[in-house]
């Protein structure tokens, strides 16, 4: 896992406040592995073809 690249997203003041309100915890940034970020951006969905 140490070879996996990570993306760090710095939060705005508004986003920090939203995280605090939702979780009760302070956060300055989000860190996600590249694969996890890709899954959140474009989750795999089954392809539906017409009849």
PDB file of N, CA and C in Angstrom:
ATOM      1  N   UNK A   1       0.818  -1.187   0.000  1.00  0.00           N
ATOM      2  CA  UNK A   1       0.000   0.000   0.000  1.00  0.00           C
ATOM      3  C   UNK A   1       0.863   1.253   0.000  1.00  0.00           C
ATOM      4  N   UNK A   2       2.085   1.178   0.441  1.00  0.00           N
ATOM      5  CA  UNK A   2       2.950   2.347   0.453  1.00  0.00           C
ATOM      6  C   UNK A   2       3.302   2.806  -0.954  1.00  0.00           C
ATOM      7  N   UNK A   3       3.143   1.925  -1.968  1.00  0.00           N
ATOM      8  CA  UNK A   3       3.417   2.299  -3.342  1.00  0.00           C
ATOM      9  C   UNK A   3       2.232   3.007  -3.988  1.00  0.00           C
ATOM     10  N   UNK A   4       1.061   2.941  -3.371  1.00  0.00           N
ATOM     11  CA  UNK A   4      -0.130   3.547  -3.946  1.00  0.00           C
ATOM     12  C   UNK A   4      -0.040   5.060  -3.834  1.00  0.00           C
ATOM     13  N   UNK A   5      -0.364   5.755  -4.938  1.00  0.00           N
ATOM     14  CA  UNK A   5      -0.354   7.211  -4.929  1.00  0.00           C
ATOM     15  C   UNK A   5      -1.603   7.721  -4.231  1.00  0.00           C
ATOM     16  N   UNK A   6      -1.454   8.855  -3.563  1.00  0.00           N
ATOM     17  CA  UNK A   6      -2.561   9.476  -2.853  1.00  0.00           C
ATOM     18  C   UNK A   6      -2.779  10.890  -3.374  1.00  0.00           C
ATOM     19  N   UNK A   7      -4.016  11.322  -3.303  1.00  0.00           N
ATOM     20  CA  UNK A   7      -4.395  12.681  -3.669  1.00  0.00           C
ATOM     21  C   UNK A   7      -4.831  13.379  -2.389  1.00  0.00           C
ATOM     22  N   UNK A   8      -4.342  14.588  -2.195  1.00  0.00           N
ATOM     23  CA  UNK A   8      -4.723  15.371  -1.015  1.00  0.00           C
ATOM     24  C   UNK A   8      -5.532  16.570  -1.494  1.00  0.00           C
ATOM     25  N   UNK A   9      -6.740  16.704  -0.967  1.00  0.00           N
ATOM     26  CA  UNK A   9      -7.628  17.803  -1.308  1.00  0.00           C
ATOM     27  C   UNK A   9      -7.773  18.712  -0.094  1.00  0.00           C
ATOM     28  N   UNK A  10      -7.276  19.931  -0.193  1.00  0.00           N
ATOM     29  CA  UNK A  10      -7.389  20.898   0.894  1.00  0.00           C
ATOM     30  C   UNK A  10      -8.821  21.423   0.934  1.00  0.00           C
ATOM     31  N   UNK A  11      -9.392  21.514   2.116  1.00  0.00           N
ATOM     32  CA  UNK A  11     -10.768  21.961   2.273  1.00  0.00           C
ATOM     33  C   UNK A  11     -10.845  23.479   2.432  1.00  0.00           C
ATOM     34  N   UNK A  12     -11.929  24.063   1.911  1.00  0.00           N
ATOM     35  CA  UNK A  12     -12.198  25.481   2.134  1.00  0.00           C
ATOM     36  C   UNK A  12     -12.741  25.639   3.552  1.00  0.00           C
ATOM     37  N   UNK A  13     -12.833  26.871   4.002  1.00  0.00           N
ATOM     38  CA  UNK A  13     -13.376  27.124   5.337  1.00  0.00           C
ATOM     39  C   UNK A  13     -14.811  26.607   5.436  1.00  0.00           C
ATOM     40  N   UNK A  14     -15.604  26.792   4.388  1.00  0.00           N
ATOM     41  CA  UNK A  14     -16.985  26.303   4.389  1.00  0.00           C
ATOM     42  C   UNK A  14     -17.029  24.779   4.466  1.00  0.00           C
ATOM     43  N   UNK A  15     -16.158  24.112   3.721  1.00  0.00           N
ATOM     44  CA  UNK A  15     -16.110  22.651   3.752  1.00  0.00           C
ATOM     45  C   UNK A  15     -15.662  22.150   5.123  1.00  0.00           C
ATOM     46  N   UNK A  16     -14.704  22.827   5.739  1.00  0.00           N
ATOM     47  CA  UNK A  16     -14.264  22.461   7.088  1.00  0.00           C
ATOM     48  C   UNK A  16     -15.440  22.543   8.062  1.00  0.00           C
ATOM     49  N   UNK A  17     -16.241  23.602   7.937  1.00  0.00           N
ATOM     50  CA  UNK A  17     -17.401  23.776   8.810  1.00  0.00           C
ATOM     51  C   UNK A  17     -18.424  22.665   8.574  1.00  0.00           C
ATOM     52  N   UNK A  18     -18.619  22.267   7.319  1.00  0.00           N
ATOM     53  CA  UNK A  18     -19.566  21.193   7.010  1.00  0.00           C
ATOM     54  C   UNK A  18     -19.102  19.867   7.605  1.00  0.00           C
ATOM     55  N   UNK A  19     -17.806  19.580   7.523  1.00  0.00           N
ATOM     56  CA  UNK A  19     -17.261  18.346   8.107  1.00  0.00           C
ATOM     57  C   UNK A  19     -17.446  18.378   9.624  1.00  0.00           C
ATOM     58  N   UNK A  20     -17.155  19.512  10.231  1.00  0.00           N
ATOM     59  CA  UNK A  20     -17.299  19.656  11.684  1.00  0.00           C
ATOM     60  C   UNK A  20     -18.749  19.435  12.102  1.00  0.00           C
ATOM     61  N   UNK A  21     -19.707  20.014  11.345  1.00  0.00           N
ATOM     62  CA  UNK A  21     -21.124  19.871  11.673  1.00  0.00           C
ATOM     63  C   UNK A  21     -21.589  18.423  11.515  1.00  0.00           C
ATOM     64  N   UNK A  22     -21.075  17.739  10.497  1.00  0.00           N
ATOM     65  CA  UNK A  22     -21.528  16.375  10.209  1.00  0.00           C
ATOM     66  C   UNK A  22     -20.878  15.329  11.106  1.00  0.00           C
ATOM     67  N   UNK A  23     -19.617  15.567  11.492  1.00  0.00           N
ATOM     68  CA  UNK A  23     -18.881  14.527  12.215  1.00  0.00           C
ATOM     69  C   UNK A  23     -18.450  14.923  13.621  1.00  0.00           C
ATOM     70  N   UNK A  24     -18.463  16.228  13.886  1.00  0.00           N
ATOM     71  CA  UNK A  24     -17.957  16.695  15.174  1.00  0.00           C
ATOM     72  C   UNK A  24     -16.443  16.730  15.232  1.00  0.00           C
ATOM     73  N   UNK A  25     -15.786  16.503  14.098  1.00  0.00           N
ATOM     74  CA  UNK A  25     -14.325  16.467  14.048  1.00  0.00           C
ATOM     75  C   UNK A  25     -13.791  17.571  13.148  1.00  0.00           C
ATOM     76  N   UNK A  26     -12.592  18.041  13.475  1.00  0.00           N
ATOM     77  CA  UNK A  26     -11.920  19.031  12.645  1.00  0.00           C
ATOM     78  C   UNK A  26     -11.158  18.323  11.530  1.00  0.00           C
ATOM     79  N   UNK A  27     -11.191  18.911  10.338  1.00  0.00           N
ATOM     80  CA  UNK A  27     -10.443  18.353   9.210  1.00  0.00           C
ATOM     81  C   UNK A  27      -9.935  19.511   8.365  1.00  0.00           C
ATOM     82  N   UNK A  28      -8.712  19.379   7.892  1.00  0.00           N
ATOM     83  CA  UNK A  28      -8.133  20.398   7.015  1.00  0.00           C
ATOM     84  C   UNK A  28      -8.089  19.934   5.572  1.00  0.00           C
ATOM     85  N   UNK A  29      -8.072  18.599   5.376  1.00  0.00           N
ATOM     86  CA  UNK A  29      -7.942  18.058   4.027  1.00  0.00           C
ATOM     87  C   UNK A  29      -8.473  16.641   3.991  1.00  0.00           C
ATOM     88  N   UNK A  30      -8.718  16.163   2.783  1.00  0.00           N
ATOM     89  CA  UNK A  30      -9.084  14.769   2.550  1.00  0.00           C
ATOM     90  C   UNK A  30      -7.930  14.125   1.800  1.00  0.00           C
ATOM     91  N   UNK A  31      -7.569  12.917   2.180  1.00  0.00           N
ATOM     92  CA  UNK A  31      -6.549  12.169   1.462  1.00  0.00           C
ATOM     93  C   UNK A  31      -7.154  10.859   0.995  1.00  0.00           C
ATOM     94  N   UNK A  32      -7.095  10.631  -0.303  1.00  0.00           N
ATOM     95  CA  UNK A  32      -7.663   9.429  -0.894  1.00  0.00           C
ATOM     96  C   UNK A  32      -6.632   8.773  -1.798  1.00  0.00           C
ATOM     97  N   UNK A  33      -6.658   7.452  -1.821  1.00  0.00           N
ATOM     98  CA  UNK A  33      -5.851   6.731  -2.790  1.00  0.00           C
ATOM     99  C   UNK A  33      -6.425   6.980  -4.173  1.00  0.00           C
ATOM    100  N   UNK A  34      -5.596   6.898  -5.194  1.00  0.00           N
ATOM    101  CA  UNK A  34      -6.050   7.159  -6.554  1.00  0.00           C
ATOM    102  C   UNK A  34      -7.217   6.247  -6.922  1.00  0.00           C
ATOM    103  N   UNK A  35      -7.128   4.966  -6.577  1.00  0.00           N
ATOM    104  CA  UNK A  35      -8.209   4.030  -6.908  1.00  0.00           C
ATOM    105  C   UNK A  35      -9.499   4.421  -6.194  1.00  0.00           C
ATOM    106  N   UNK A  36      -9.425   4.760  -4.919  1.00  0.00           N
ATOM    107  CA  UNK A  36     -10.619   5.160  -4.169  1.00  0.00           C
ATOM    108  C   UNK A  36     -11.225   6.426  -4.766  1.00  0.00           C
ATOM    109  N   UNK A  37     -10.383   7.383  -5.157  1.00  0.00           N
ATOM    110  CA  UNK A  37     -10.876   8.613  -5.761  1.00  0.00           C
ATOM    111  C   UNK A  37     -11.591   8.315  -7.078  1.00  0.00           C
ATOM    112  N   UNK A  38     -11.010   7.458  -7.894  1.00  0.00           N
ATOM    113  CA  UNK A  38     -11.639   7.094  -9.165  1.00  0.00           C
ATOM    114  C   UNK A  38     -12.991   6.423  -8.935  1.00  0.00           C
ATOM    115  N   UNK A  39     -13.083   5.550  -7.923  1.00  0.00           N
ATOM    116  CA  UNK A  39     -14.340   4.866  -7.624  1.00  0.00           C
ATOM    117  C   UNK A  39     -15.413   5.861  -7.173  1.00  0.00           C
ATOM    118  N   UNK A  40     -15.008   6.909  -6.471  1.00  0.00           N
ATOM    119  CA  UNK A  40     -15.969   7.910  -6.004  1.00  0.00           C
ATOM    120  C   UNK A  40     -16.393   8.841  -7.133  1.00  0.00           C
ATOM    121  N   UNK A  41     -15.477   9.126  -8.052  1.00  0.00           N
ATOM    122  CA  UNK A  41     -15.794  10.015  -9.171  1.00  0.00           C
ATOM    123  C   UNK A  41     -16.644   9.300 -10.205  1.00  0.00           C
ATOM    124  N   UNK A  42     -16.265   8.084 -10.554  1.00  0.00           N
ATOM    125  CA  UNK A  42     -16.958   7.347 -11.617  1.00  0.00           C
ATOM    126  C   UNK A  42     -17.172   5.902 -11.178  1.00  0.00           C
ATOM    127  N   UNK A  43     -18.150   5.678 -10.289  1.00  0.00           N
ATOM    128  CA  UNK A  43     -18.400   4.304  -9.832  1.00  0.00           C
ATOM    129  C   UNK A  43     -18.815   3.409 -10.995  1.00  0.00           C
ATOM    130  N   UNK A  44     -18.394   2.176 -10.932  1.00  0.00           N
ATOM    131  CA  UNK A  44     -18.757   1.204 -11.971  1.00  0.00           C
ATOM    132  C   UNK A  44     -20.251   0.945 -11.896  1.00  0.00           C
ATOM    133  N   UNK A  45     -20.907   1.048 -13.036  1.00  0.00           N
ATOM    134  CA  UNK A  45     -22.334   0.773 -13.115  1.00  0.00           C
ATOM    135  C   UNK A  45     -22.558  -0.177 -14.278  1.00  0.00           C
ATOM    136  N   UNK A  46     -23.525  -1.070 -14.131  1.00  0.00           N
ATOM    137  CA  UNK A  46     -23.801  -1.991 -15.228  1.00  0.00           C
ATOM    138  C   UNK A  46     -24.277  -1.225 -16.463  1.00  0.00           C
ATOM    139  N   UNK A  47     -23.891  -1.720 -17.617  1.00  0.00           N
ATOM    140  CA  UNK A  47     -24.322  -1.120 -18.872  1.00  0.00           C
ATOM    141  C   UNK A  47     -25.666  -1.689 -19.252  1.00  0.00           C
ATOM    142  N   UNK A  48     -26.635  -0.835 -19.468  1.00  0.00           N
ATOM    143  CA  UNK A  48     -27.975  -1.263 -19.869  1.00  0.00           C
ATOM    144  C   UNK A  48     -28.118  -1.014 -21.363  1.00  0.00           C
ATOM    145  N   UNK A  49     -28.417  -2.046 -22.073  1.00  0.00           N
ATOM    146  CA  UNK A  49     -28.602  -1.913 -23.520  1.00  0.00           C
ATOM    147  C   UNK A  49     -30.082  -1.971 -23.841  1.00  0.00           C
ATOM    148  N   UNK A  50     -30.476  -1.277 -24.901  1.00  0.00           N
ATOM    149  CA  UNK A  50     -31.875  -1.263 -25.338  1.00  0.00           C
ATOM    150  C   UNK A  50     -32.374  -2.628 -25.720  1.00  0.00           C
ATOM    151  N   UNK A  51     -33.684  -2.806 -25.723  1.00  0.00           N
ATOM    152  CA  UNK A  51     -34.302  -4.112 -26.050  1.00  0.00           C
ATOM    153  C   UNK A  51     -34.069  -4.481 -27.464  1.00  0.00           C
TER     154      UNK A  51
END
